[in-house]
Amino acid sequence: MNLTNDEKIERINKWQTSNLVHPLTCPCCKGTDHTKLIPTKIRISSYESLDPELFLVCPKCDYIQKDIPETVYLIDVDAIQKSFRRIFSKLFM
């Protein structure tokens, strides 16, 4: 799936705010409150022509995660939420 960094950030943000999936959380802050990671573009090269790379960053401890599960991009959490609403509205009418 060829998504731009902005499209990836949009999907990650939807994932992180959904109540249907477990958010991507910081492994270093587990003992506290399972801090949600924030998608962040970071330029790791001094070449201005190269696009910044996408990372997940912990706002509390500055942990940086490069690997983002492909599932986050493939699953449409909005569509799942709409389906659940439709199913539950029929069940409890």
Protein backbone atom coordinates (compact mmCIF):
# COMPACT_ATOMS: atom_id res chain seq x y z
CA MET A 1 0.00 0.00 0.00
CA ASN A 2 1.61 3.24 -1.13
CA LEU A 3 0.49 5.94 1.26
CA THR A 4 2.09 9.33 1.78
CA ASN A 5 3.39 10.13 5.24
CA ASP A 6 0.40 12.43 5.76
CA GLU A 7 -2.03 9.63 4.84
CA LYS A 8 -0.18 7.27 7.19
CA ILE A 9 -0.39 9.83 10.00
CA GLU A 10 -4.12 10.18 9.42
CA ARG A 11 -4.62 6.40 9.68
CA ILE A 12 -2.40 6.14 12.75
CA ASN A 13 -4.37 8.94 14.45
CA LYS A 14 -7.66 7.18 13.68
CA TRP A 15 -6.21 3.96 15.12
CA GLN A 16 -4.99 5.75 18.24
CA THR A 17 -8.39 7.35 18.93
CA SER A 18 -10.54 4.29 18.19
CA ASN A 19 -12.09 2.43 21.09
CA LEU A 20 -12.21 -0.81 19.05
CA VAL A 21 -8.47 -1.52 18.83
CA HIS A 22 -5.60 -1.35 21.29
CA PRO A 23 -3.58 1.81 20.71
CA LEU A 24 0.12 1.74 19.93
CA THR A 25 1.73 2.45 23.30
CA CYS A 26 5.17 3.10 24.69
CA PRO A 27 6.95 -0.04 25.92
CA CYS A 28 9.04 2.06 28.32
CA CYS A 29 6.05 3.70 30.05
CA LYS A 30 4.09 0.46 30.57
CA GLY A 31 4.21 0.70 34.36
CA THR A 32 2.49 4.07 34.26
CA ASP A 33 -0.49 4.74 32.01
CA HIS A 34 0.28 3.08 28.65
CA THR A 35 1.21 6.32 26.96
CA LYS A 36 -0.01 6.49 23.36
CA LEU A 37 2.70 6.97 20.77
CA ILE A 38 2.41 9.95 18.44
CA PRO A 39 3.20 9.74 14.70
CA THR A 40 6.02 12.15 13.93
CA LYS A 41 7.96 13.02 10.79
CA ILE A 42 11.70 13.17 11.45
CA ARG A 43 14.32 14.16 8.90
CA ILE A 44 17.22 11.77 9.43
CA SER A 45 19.23 13.00 6.48
CA SER A 46 20.80 16.37 5.88
CA TYR A 47 19.63 16.23 2.27
CA GLU A 48 16.65 18.55 1.95
CA SER A 49 15.45 16.66 -1.11
CA LEU A 50 14.73 13.53 0.96
CA ASP A 51 11.38 13.32 2.67
CA PRO A 52 11.32 13.01 6.44
CA GLU A 53 10.72 9.50 7.73
CA LEU A 54 7.76 8.52 9.87
CA PHE A 55 8.29 7.35 13.45
CA LEU A 56 6.15 6.81 16.53
CA VAL A 57 7.33 8.93 19.46
CA CYS A 58 6.42 8.82 23.14
CA PRO A 59 5.55 12.31 24.40
CA LYS A 60 6.69 11.40 27.94
CA CYS A 61 10.05 9.67 27.57
CA ASP A 62 11.02 10.42 23.93
CA TYR A 63 11.10 6.72 23.03
CA ILE A 64 11.22 6.40 19.23
CA GLN A 65 9.77 3.44 17.32
CA LYS A 66 10.48 2.98 13.62
CA ASP A 67 8.35 -0.11 13.01
CA ILE A 68 4.67 0.65 12.54
CA PRO A 69 2.42 -2.41 12.14
CA GLU A 70 1.02 -2.69 8.61
CA THR A 71 -2.34 -3.55 10.18
CA VAL A 72 -2.73 0.08 11.20
CA TYR A 73 -2.79 1.08 7.54
CA LEU A 74 -4.89 -1.85 6.28
CA ILE A 75 -7.78 -1.85 8.76
CA ASP A 76 -10.38 0.88 8.33
CA VAL A 77 -11.39 1.51 11.95
CA ASP A 78 -14.09 4.00 10.87
CA ALA A 79 -15.82 1.33 8.75
CA ILE A 80 -15.65 -1.17 11.62
CA GLN A 81 -17.13 1.36 14.02
CA LYS A 82 -19.99 2.13 11.61
CA SER A 83 -20.69 -1.61 11.22
CA PHE A 84 -20.79 -2.09 14.99
CA ARG A 85 -23.20 0.84 15.38
CA ARG A 86 -25.46 -0.57 12.67
CA ILE A 87 -25.43 -4.08 14.21
CA PHE A 88 -26.04 -2.86 17.75
CA SER A 89 -28.78 -0.46 16.70
CA LYS A 90 -30.65 -3.40 15.12
CA LEU A 91 -30.11 -5.59 18.16
CA PHE A 92 -31.38 -3.06 20.66
CA MET A 93 -34.25 -1.45 18.74
